[in-house]
N, C-alpha and C. Protein backbone atom coordinates (compact mmCIF):
# COMPACT_ATOMS: atom_id res chain seq x y z
N MET A 1 -8.27 -16.30 -8.94
CA MET A 1 -7.50 -17.47 -9.31
C MET A 1 -7.89 -18.62 -8.39
N VAL A 2 -8.21 -19.76 -8.97
CA VAL A 2 -8.55 -20.94 -8.19
C VAL A 2 -7.27 -21.74 -7.99
N SER A 3 -7.02 -22.14 -6.76
CA SER A 3 -5.80 -22.87 -6.45
C SER A 3 -6.15 -24.15 -5.73
N HIS A 4 -5.47 -25.22 -6.07
CA HIS A 4 -5.67 -26.49 -5.39
C HIS A 4 -4.66 -26.66 -4.27
N ARG A 5 -3.76 -25.75 -4.14
CA ARG A 5 -2.74 -25.79 -3.11
C ARG A 5 -3.16 -24.84 -2.00
N LYS A 6 -2.77 -25.11 -0.81
CA LYS A 6 -3.15 -24.29 0.31
C LYS A 6 -2.36 -22.99 0.37
N SER A 7 -1.29 -22.90 -0.34
CA SER A 7 -0.43 -21.73 -0.18
C SER A 7 -0.19 -21.08 -1.52
N LYS A 8 -0.48 -19.79 -1.60
CA LYS A 8 -0.14 -19.01 -2.79
C LYS A 8 1.04 -18.14 -2.41
N LEU A 9 2.07 -18.12 -3.21
CA LEU A 9 3.29 -17.42 -2.86
C LEU A 9 3.47 -16.19 -3.72
N ARG A 10 3.69 -15.07 -3.11
CA ARG A 10 4.01 -13.83 -3.79
C ARG A 10 5.22 -13.24 -3.10
N TYR A 11 5.91 -12.36 -3.76
CA TYR A 11 7.12 -11.80 -3.17
C TYR A 11 7.18 -10.31 -3.46
N THR A 12 7.87 -9.62 -2.60
CA THR A 12 8.09 -8.20 -2.77
C THR A 12 9.45 -7.87 -2.18
N ARG A 13 10.13 -6.93 -2.76
CA ARG A 13 11.44 -6.52 -2.26
C ARG A 13 11.24 -5.41 -1.21
N TYR A 14 11.88 -5.58 -0.07
CA TYR A 14 11.72 -4.65 1.04
C TYR A 14 13.07 -4.21 1.58
N LYS A 15 13.07 -3.12 2.32
CA LYS A 15 14.24 -2.71 3.08
C LYS A 15 13.77 -2.31 4.47
N ARG A 16 14.65 -2.49 5.43
CA ARG A 16 14.30 -2.16 6.80
C ARG A 16 14.52 -0.67 7.02
N ASN A 17 13.63 -0.06 7.78
CA ASN A 17 13.76 1.37 8.08
C ASN A 17 14.94 1.64 9.00
N ALA A 18 15.19 0.78 9.95
CA ALA A 18 16.32 0.93 10.85
C ALA A 18 17.38 -0.10 10.48
N MET A 19 18.65 0.26 10.62
CA MET A 19 19.71 -0.68 10.26
C MET A 19 19.80 -1.78 11.31
N ALA A 20 20.00 -3.03 10.85
CA ALA A 20 20.15 -4.17 11.75
C ALA A 20 20.77 -5.31 10.98
N ASN A 21 21.42 -6.20 11.67
CA ASN A 21 21.98 -7.39 11.03
C ASN A 21 20.85 -8.36 10.75
N GLY A 22 21.00 -9.15 9.69
CA GLY A 22 20.00 -10.15 9.36
C GLY A 22 18.73 -9.60 8.77
N ASP A 23 18.79 -8.39 8.22
CA ASP A 23 17.60 -7.83 7.59
C ASP A 23 17.08 -8.75 6.50
N ILE A 24 15.77 -8.76 6.33
CA ILE A 24 15.21 -9.50 5.21
C ILE A 24 14.97 -8.53 4.07
N GLU A 25 15.32 -8.95 2.88
CA GLU A 25 15.15 -8.11 1.70
C GLU A 25 13.95 -8.53 0.87
N PHE A 26 13.50 -9.77 1.06
CA PHE A 26 12.40 -10.29 0.26
C PHE A 26 11.31 -10.84 1.17
N LEU A 27 10.07 -10.56 0.79
CA LEU A 27 8.90 -11.05 1.52
C LEU A 27 8.07 -11.87 0.54
N PHE A 28 7.82 -13.13 0.89
CA PHE A 28 7.04 -14.05 0.05
C PHE A 28 5.70 -14.28 0.74
N ARG A 29 4.64 -14.03 0.00
CA ARG A 29 3.30 -14.17 0.55
C ARG A 29 2.77 -15.57 0.33
N PHE A 30 2.09 -16.10 1.33
CA PHE A 30 1.40 -17.39 1.21
C PHE A 30 0.10 -17.30 1.99
N ARG A 31 -0.72 -18.30 1.83
CA ARG A 31 -1.96 -18.37 2.59
C ARG A 31 -2.31 -19.83 2.80
N ASP A 32 -2.64 -20.17 4.02
CA ASP A 32 -3.04 -21.54 4.34
C ASP A 32 -4.47 -21.76 3.83
N LEU A 33 -4.57 -22.55 2.77
CA LEU A 33 -5.89 -22.86 2.22
C LEU A 33 -6.27 -24.32 2.41
N VAL A 34 -5.30 -25.24 2.28
CA VAL A 34 -5.60 -26.67 2.46
C VAL A 34 -4.67 -27.37 3.43
N ALA A 35 -3.64 -26.69 3.89
CA ALA A 35 -2.70 -27.29 4.86
C ALA A 35 -2.04 -26.17 5.65
N LYS A 36 -1.38 -26.53 6.73
CA LYS A 36 -0.62 -25.59 7.55
C LYS A 36 0.77 -25.44 6.93
N THR A 37 0.95 -24.41 6.12
CA THR A 37 2.16 -24.23 5.32
C THR A 37 3.44 -24.29 6.15
N ILE A 38 3.54 -23.47 7.17
CA ILE A 38 4.76 -23.39 7.97
C ILE A 38 5.03 -24.74 8.65
N ALA A 39 4.02 -25.33 9.27
CA ALA A 39 4.19 -26.61 9.96
C ALA A 39 4.63 -27.71 9.00
N GLU A 40 4.03 -27.76 7.81
CA GLU A 40 4.39 -28.81 6.83
C GLU A 40 5.84 -28.69 6.39
N HIS A 41 6.30 -27.46 6.13
CA HIS A 41 7.69 -27.26 5.72
C HIS A 41 8.64 -27.50 6.89
N ASP A 42 8.22 -27.06 8.08
CA ASP A 42 9.06 -27.22 9.27
C ASP A 42 9.28 -28.70 9.61
N GLN A 43 8.27 -29.53 9.41
CA GLN A 43 8.41 -30.98 9.66
C GLN A 43 9.50 -31.57 8.78
N LEU A 44 9.55 -31.16 7.52
CA LEU A 44 10.59 -31.67 6.62
C LEU A 44 11.97 -31.17 7.03
N ILE A 45 12.05 -29.91 7.46
CA ILE A 45 13.34 -29.38 7.92
C ILE A 45 13.81 -30.15 9.15
N GLU A 46 12.89 -30.43 10.07
CA GLU A 46 13.24 -31.21 11.27
C GLU A 46 13.75 -32.60 10.90
N ALA A 47 13.10 -33.23 9.94
CA ALA A 47 13.46 -34.61 9.56
C ALA A 47 14.68 -34.68 8.65
N HIS A 48 14.87 -33.70 7.75
CA HIS A 48 15.91 -33.81 6.72
C HIS A 48 16.93 -32.67 6.72
N GLY A 49 16.70 -31.66 7.54
CA GLY A 49 17.62 -30.52 7.58
C GLY A 49 17.36 -29.48 6.52
N ARG A 50 16.36 -29.72 5.68
CA ARG A 50 16.02 -28.78 4.61
C ARG A 50 14.69 -29.19 3.98
N CYS A 51 14.11 -28.28 3.20
CA CYS A 51 12.90 -28.58 2.43
C CYS A 51 12.86 -27.63 1.24
N TRP A 52 11.98 -27.89 0.31
CA TRP A 52 11.76 -27.00 -0.84
C TRP A 52 10.44 -26.27 -0.67
N TRP A 53 10.46 -24.97 -0.94
CA TRP A 53 9.27 -24.12 -0.89
C TRP A 53 9.00 -23.68 -2.32
N GLY A 54 7.85 -24.04 -2.87
CA GLY A 54 7.53 -23.73 -4.26
C GLY A 54 6.84 -22.39 -4.42
N TRP A 55 7.12 -21.73 -5.52
CA TRP A 55 6.47 -20.46 -5.88
C TRP A 55 5.47 -20.71 -6.99
N TRP A 56 4.22 -20.35 -6.72
CA TRP A 56 3.17 -20.47 -7.72
C TRP A 56 2.93 -19.10 -8.32
N LYS A 57 3.36 -18.93 -9.55
CA LYS A 57 3.25 -17.67 -10.27
C LYS A 57 1.85 -17.55 -10.88
N ARG A 58 1.26 -16.39 -10.72
CA ARG A 58 -0.02 -16.14 -11.39
C ARG A 58 0.23 -16.08 -12.89
N PRO A 59 -0.72 -16.48 -13.72
CA PRO A 59 -0.52 -16.46 -15.17
C PRO A 59 -0.12 -15.10 -15.73
N THR A 60 -0.61 -14.02 -15.14
CA THR A 60 -0.30 -12.68 -15.65
C THR A 60 0.91 -12.06 -14.96
N GLU A 61 1.49 -12.76 -14.04
CA GLU A 61 2.61 -12.23 -13.26
C GLU A 61 3.93 -12.45 -13.98
N ALA A 62 4.83 -11.48 -13.89
CA ALA A 62 6.16 -11.61 -14.49
C ALA A 62 6.99 -12.62 -13.69
N THR A 63 8.05 -13.11 -14.28
CA THR A 63 8.90 -14.09 -13.59
C THR A 63 9.82 -13.45 -12.57
N ARG A 64 9.91 -12.13 -12.56
CA ARG A 64 10.63 -11.36 -11.56
C ARG A 64 12.09 -11.78 -11.37
N ALA A 65 12.82 -11.72 -12.47
CA ALA A 65 14.26 -11.99 -12.40
C ALA A 65 14.96 -11.03 -11.44
N ASP A 66 14.38 -9.84 -11.24
CA ASP A 66 14.96 -8.86 -10.31
C ASP A 66 14.92 -9.34 -8.86
N VAL A 67 14.07 -10.30 -8.57
CA VAL A 67 14.00 -10.89 -7.24
C VAL A 67 14.78 -12.19 -7.19
N TRP A 68 14.48 -13.08 -8.12
CA TRP A 68 15.07 -14.42 -8.08
C TRP A 68 16.57 -14.41 -8.38
N GLY A 69 17.02 -13.53 -9.26
CA GLY A 69 18.45 -13.46 -9.59
C GLY A 69 19.32 -13.11 -8.39
N PRO A 70 19.06 -11.98 -7.71
CA PRO A 70 19.87 -11.64 -6.54
C PRO A 70 19.77 -12.67 -5.41
N LEU A 71 18.57 -13.23 -5.20
CA LEU A 71 18.42 -14.23 -4.16
C LEU A 71 19.24 -15.49 -4.48
N ALA A 72 19.20 -15.91 -5.76
CA ALA A 72 19.97 -17.09 -6.18
C ALA A 72 21.48 -16.85 -6.05
N LYS A 73 21.92 -15.63 -6.33
CA LYS A 73 23.36 -15.32 -6.25
C LYS A 73 23.87 -15.31 -4.83
N THR A 74 23.05 -14.89 -3.88
CA THR A 74 23.55 -14.73 -2.51
C THR A 74 23.26 -15.93 -1.61
N ALA A 75 22.23 -16.71 -1.89
CA ALA A 75 21.90 -17.84 -1.03
C ALA A 75 22.86 -19.00 -1.26
N SER A 76 23.33 -19.59 -0.17
CA SER A 76 24.20 -20.76 -0.25
C SER A 76 24.09 -21.53 1.06
N PRO A 77 24.39 -22.84 1.04
CA PRO A 77 24.32 -23.61 2.29
C PRO A 77 25.18 -23.04 3.42
N PRO A 78 26.41 -22.55 3.14
CA PRO A 78 27.17 -21.99 4.26
C PRO A 78 26.64 -20.62 4.72
N SER A 79 25.93 -19.91 3.86
CA SER A 79 25.41 -18.57 4.20
C SER A 79 23.97 -18.41 3.74
N PRO A 80 23.03 -19.06 4.43
CA PRO A 80 21.62 -18.91 4.03
C PRO A 80 21.16 -17.46 4.16
N VAL A 81 20.28 -17.07 3.27
CA VAL A 81 19.75 -15.70 3.23
C VAL A 81 18.39 -15.67 3.94
N PRO A 82 18.21 -14.74 4.90
CA PRO A 82 16.90 -14.63 5.54
C PRO A 82 15.89 -13.97 4.61
N VAL A 83 14.69 -14.54 4.55
CA VAL A 83 13.57 -13.96 3.81
C VAL A 83 12.36 -13.98 4.72
N GLY A 84 11.39 -13.15 4.40
CA GLY A 84 10.15 -13.15 5.16
C GLY A 84 9.11 -14.02 4.48
N LEU A 85 8.34 -14.74 5.27
CA LEU A 85 7.20 -15.53 4.78
C LEU A 85 5.96 -14.92 5.43
N PHE A 86 5.15 -14.26 4.60
CA PHE A 86 3.98 -13.52 5.08
C PHE A 86 2.72 -14.32 4.89
N ASP A 87 2.07 -14.69 5.99
CA ASP A 87 0.78 -15.38 5.94
C ASP A 87 -0.30 -14.31 5.80
N SER A 88 -0.82 -14.16 4.59
CA SER A 88 -1.79 -13.10 4.34
C SER A 88 -3.14 -13.36 5.00
N GLY A 89 -3.36 -14.58 5.47
CA GLY A 89 -4.59 -14.87 6.20
C GLY A 89 -4.56 -14.38 7.63
N SER A 90 -3.38 -14.47 8.26
CA SER A 90 -3.26 -14.08 9.67
C SER A 90 -2.50 -12.78 9.87
N GLY A 91 -1.76 -12.33 8.84
CA GLY A 91 -0.94 -11.14 8.96
C GLY A 91 0.40 -11.38 9.64
N ILE A 92 0.73 -12.64 9.89
CA ILE A 92 1.98 -12.99 10.58
C ILE A 92 3.11 -13.13 9.57
N VAL A 93 4.31 -12.66 9.97
CA VAL A 93 5.51 -12.81 9.15
C VAL A 93 6.53 -13.64 9.91
N TYR A 94 7.02 -14.70 9.26
CA TYR A 94 8.07 -15.55 9.80
C TYR A 94 9.35 -15.30 9.01
N VAL A 95 10.49 -15.55 9.63
CA VAL A 95 11.76 -15.48 8.91
C VAL A 95 12.17 -16.91 8.56
N ALA A 96 12.49 -17.12 7.30
CA ALA A 96 13.01 -18.41 6.83
C ALA A 96 14.40 -18.17 6.27
N HIS A 97 15.20 -19.22 6.22
CA HIS A 97 16.59 -19.11 5.78
C HIS A 97 16.77 -19.96 4.52
N VAL A 98 17.12 -19.27 3.41
CA VAL A 98 17.21 -19.88 2.08
C VAL A 98 18.65 -20.24 1.77
N ALA A 99 18.89 -21.53 1.47
CA ALA A 99 20.24 -22.01 1.15
C ALA A 99 20.47 -22.16 -0.34
N ARG A 100 19.41 -22.39 -1.10
CA ARG A 100 19.52 -22.56 -2.55
C ARG A 100 18.26 -22.03 -3.20
N VAL A 101 18.40 -21.66 -4.48
CA VAL A 101 17.26 -21.17 -5.25
C VAL A 101 17.29 -21.83 -6.62
N ILE A 102 16.13 -22.25 -7.07
CA ILE A 102 15.95 -22.67 -8.46
C ILE A 102 15.02 -21.62 -9.06
N PRO A 103 15.58 -20.68 -9.84
CA PRO A 103 14.76 -19.58 -10.36
C PRO A 103 13.81 -20.03 -11.46
N PRO A 104 12.85 -19.18 -11.81
CA PRO A 104 11.93 -19.51 -12.89
C PRO A 104 12.67 -19.65 -14.22
N ALA A 105 12.12 -20.45 -15.11
CA ALA A 105 12.66 -20.59 -16.46
C ALA A 105 12.29 -19.37 -17.29
N ALA A 106 12.96 -19.20 -18.41
CA ALA A 106 12.65 -18.08 -19.31
C ALA A 106 11.21 -18.17 -19.81
N ASP A 107 10.73 -19.37 -20.06
CA ASP A 107 9.34 -19.58 -20.47
C ASP A 107 8.47 -19.47 -19.23
N PRO A 108 7.61 -18.45 -19.13
CA PRO A 108 6.82 -18.24 -17.91
C PRO A 108 5.86 -19.38 -17.59
N ASN A 109 5.58 -20.25 -18.55
CA ASN A 109 4.68 -21.37 -18.31
C ASN A 109 5.40 -22.67 -17.97
N ALA A 110 6.73 -22.65 -17.99
CA ALA A 110 7.50 -23.87 -17.74
C ALA A 110 7.49 -24.23 -16.26
N VAL A 111 7.23 -25.50 -15.99
CA VAL A 111 7.33 -26.03 -14.64
C VAL A 111 8.80 -26.28 -14.37
N VAL A 112 9.27 -25.83 -13.22
CA VAL A 112 10.68 -25.97 -12.86
C VAL A 112 10.77 -27.05 -11.78
N PRO A 113 11.44 -28.17 -12.07
CA PRO A 113 11.52 -29.24 -11.07
C PRO A 113 12.64 -29.01 -10.05
N VAL A 114 12.51 -29.66 -8.91
CA VAL A 114 13.61 -29.69 -7.95
C VAL A 114 14.59 -30.77 -8.44
N PRO A 115 15.81 -30.78 -7.91
CA PRO A 115 16.76 -31.82 -8.35
C PRO A 115 16.20 -33.22 -8.16
N ASN A 116 16.54 -34.10 -9.08
CA ASN A 116 16.09 -35.50 -9.02
C ASN A 116 16.44 -36.09 -7.66
N GLY A 117 15.48 -36.72 -7.03
CA GLY A 117 15.67 -37.32 -5.72
C GLY A 117 15.28 -36.43 -4.56
N ASP A 118 15.06 -35.13 -4.83
CA ASP A 118 14.68 -34.19 -3.76
C ASP A 118 13.16 -34.06 -3.59
N GLU A 119 12.38 -34.79 -4.35
CA GLU A 119 10.92 -34.68 -4.27
C GLU A 119 10.39 -34.92 -2.86
N PRO A 120 10.98 -35.85 -2.06
CA PRO A 120 10.48 -36.04 -0.69
C PRO A 120 10.70 -34.82 0.21
N LEU A 121 11.47 -33.84 -0.26
CA LEU A 121 11.70 -32.63 0.53
C LEU A 121 10.65 -31.54 0.25
N ILE A 122 9.64 -31.89 -0.54
CA ILE A 122 8.50 -31.01 -0.81
C ILE A 122 7.33 -31.53 0.02
N PRO A 123 6.60 -30.67 0.72
CA PRO A 123 5.43 -31.16 1.46
C PRO A 123 4.50 -31.96 0.56
N GLU A 124 3.98 -33.02 1.11
CA GLU A 124 3.18 -33.97 0.33
C GLU A 124 1.96 -33.33 -0.33
N TYR A 125 1.37 -32.32 0.31
CA TYR A 125 0.13 -31.75 -0.23
C TYR A 125 0.33 -31.05 -1.57
N TYR A 126 1.56 -30.69 -1.95
CA TYR A 126 1.76 -30.13 -3.29
C TYR A 126 2.96 -30.72 -4.01
N ARG A 127 3.42 -31.86 -3.54
CA ARG A 127 4.59 -32.53 -4.12
C ARG A 127 4.43 -32.83 -5.61
N THR A 128 3.26 -33.23 -6.05
CA THR A 128 3.05 -33.59 -7.46
C THR A 128 2.33 -32.49 -8.25
N SER A 129 2.20 -31.33 -7.67
CA SER A 129 1.52 -30.23 -8.34
C SER A 129 2.34 -29.73 -9.53
N PRO A 130 1.69 -29.39 -10.63
CA PRO A 130 2.41 -28.88 -11.80
C PRO A 130 2.55 -27.36 -11.81
N PHE A 131 2.29 -26.68 -10.69
CA PHE A 131 2.20 -25.22 -10.71
C PHE A 131 3.43 -24.47 -10.21
N SER A 132 4.40 -25.13 -9.61
CA SER A 132 5.55 -24.41 -9.07
C SER A 132 6.45 -23.91 -10.20
N ARG A 133 6.78 -22.62 -10.17
CA ARG A 133 7.58 -21.98 -11.22
C ARG A 133 8.98 -21.60 -10.74
N ALA A 134 9.23 -21.73 -9.43
CA ALA A 134 10.56 -21.48 -8.85
C ALA A 134 10.57 -22.16 -7.48
N TRP A 135 11.77 -22.35 -6.93
CA TRP A 135 11.89 -23.03 -5.65
C TRP A 135 12.93 -22.36 -4.77
N MET A 136 12.67 -22.38 -3.46
CA MET A 136 13.66 -21.97 -2.46
C MET A 136 13.90 -23.17 -1.55
N GLN A 137 15.17 -23.49 -1.33
CA GLN A 137 15.48 -24.54 -0.36
C GLN A 137 15.65 -23.88 1.01
N LEU A 138 14.76 -24.20 1.91
CA LEU A 138 14.80 -23.63 3.25
C LEU A 138 15.54 -24.56 4.20
N VAL A 139 16.39 -24.00 5.04
CA VAL A 139 17.11 -24.80 6.03
C VAL A 139 16.64 -24.49 7.45
N ALA A 140 15.84 -23.46 7.60
CA ALA A 140 15.26 -23.12 8.91
C ALA A 140 14.11 -22.16 8.71
N ILE A 141 13.13 -22.27 9.61
CA ILE A 141 12.04 -21.30 9.70
C ILE A 141 11.94 -20.93 11.17
N ASP A 142 12.13 -19.66 11.46
CA ASP A 142 11.99 -19.20 12.84
C ASP A 142 10.51 -19.23 13.20
N ARG A 143 10.16 -19.98 14.22
CA ARG A 143 8.75 -20.15 14.57
C ARG A 143 8.16 -18.93 15.28
N LYS A 144 9.01 -18.05 15.78
CA LYS A 144 8.50 -16.85 16.43
C LYS A 144 8.30 -15.77 15.36
N PRO A 145 7.06 -15.31 15.19
CA PRO A 145 6.80 -14.27 14.18
C PRO A 145 7.58 -12.99 14.50
N ILE A 146 7.85 -12.22 13.46
CA ILE A 146 8.57 -10.95 13.65
C ILE A 146 7.60 -9.78 13.51
N ASP A 147 7.97 -8.68 14.10
CA ASP A 147 7.23 -7.43 13.95
C ASP A 147 7.72 -6.81 12.65
N PHE A 148 6.95 -6.92 11.60
CA PHE A 148 7.42 -6.55 10.27
C PHE A 148 6.89 -5.22 9.76
N PHE A 149 5.59 -5.03 9.79
CA PHE A 149 4.96 -3.96 9.01
C PHE A 149 5.27 -2.55 9.47
N GLU A 150 5.72 -2.34 10.68
CA GLU A 150 6.10 -0.99 11.07
C GLU A 150 7.61 -0.78 11.00
N LYS A 151 8.34 -1.82 10.64
CA LYS A 151 9.80 -1.72 10.62
C LYS A 151 10.40 -1.79 9.22
N TYR A 152 9.60 -2.15 8.22
CA TYR A 152 10.09 -2.30 6.86
C TYR A 152 9.25 -1.45 5.91
N SER A 153 9.84 -1.10 4.78
CA SER A 153 9.10 -0.39 3.73
C SER A 153 9.58 -0.90 2.38
N PHE A 154 8.85 -0.55 1.33
CA PHE A 154 9.25 -0.95 -0.01
C PHE A 154 10.60 -0.33 -0.36
N ALA A 155 11.51 -1.13 -0.94
CA ALA A 155 12.77 -0.60 -1.46
C ALA A 155 12.46 0.21 -2.72
N GLU A 156 11.47 -0.24 -3.46
CA GLU A 156 10.97 0.48 -4.64
C GLU A 156 9.51 0.10 -4.79
N ALA A 157 8.73 0.99 -5.33
CA ALA A 157 7.31 0.71 -5.49
C ALA A 157 7.11 -0.46 -6.44
N PRO A 158 6.24 -1.40 -6.08
CA PRO A 158 5.99 -2.51 -6.98
C PRO A 158 5.25 -2.05 -8.23
N PRO A 159 5.47 -2.72 -9.36
CA PRO A 159 4.77 -2.33 -10.58
C PRO A 159 3.27 -2.62 -10.47
N LEU A 160 2.47 -1.74 -11.05
CA LEU A 160 1.03 -1.94 -11.07
C LEU A 160 0.63 -2.38 -12.47
N THR A 161 -0.14 -3.44 -12.52
CA THR A 161 -0.61 -3.92 -13.82
C THR A 161 -1.59 -2.94 -14.43
N ASN A 162 -1.55 -2.83 -15.71
CA ASN A 162 -2.47 -1.97 -16.47
C ASN A 162 -2.43 -0.51 -16.04
N TYR A 163 -1.26 -0.04 -15.60
CA TYR A 163 -1.11 1.34 -15.20
C TYR A 163 0.11 1.94 -15.89
N THR A 164 -0.11 3.04 -16.60
CA THR A 164 0.99 3.75 -17.23
C THR A 164 1.07 5.13 -16.58
N PRO A 165 2.20 5.45 -15.94
CA PRO A 165 2.31 6.76 -15.27
C PRO A 165 2.31 7.90 -16.25
């Protein structure tokens, strides 16, 4: 897939092996291709107290209502939900705090806009991109990476394309 944006976002549902408060249930994958993703979003959070993080769905990828629905139901400004942001280029995982979600539309090809007037809360490098299919409003990104891969496992195995058990 050719992308004009520096960050490709993927998500997976996870559970922590050991019990702890503030566990992350969702991991969203990105990769810095044309900009520093975390720094760009963090600058907007510093300036405005929040930013929008767009999800670029692959054409063959499902809209994953099983992920976006629960996240949208639980995230709120008074109780942001922690999620993981996985930089697949460096292997680093950051914790971000989601206050609102705009889930994908029923039409998998539909572009989902942020609320009118919130466009300045999207990093400039993809602000006018037509590829975002869902949005998370982030109110914080913890700059210290977490030790993720030995402490979390899949809550359920992800579906494999073109595979029938």
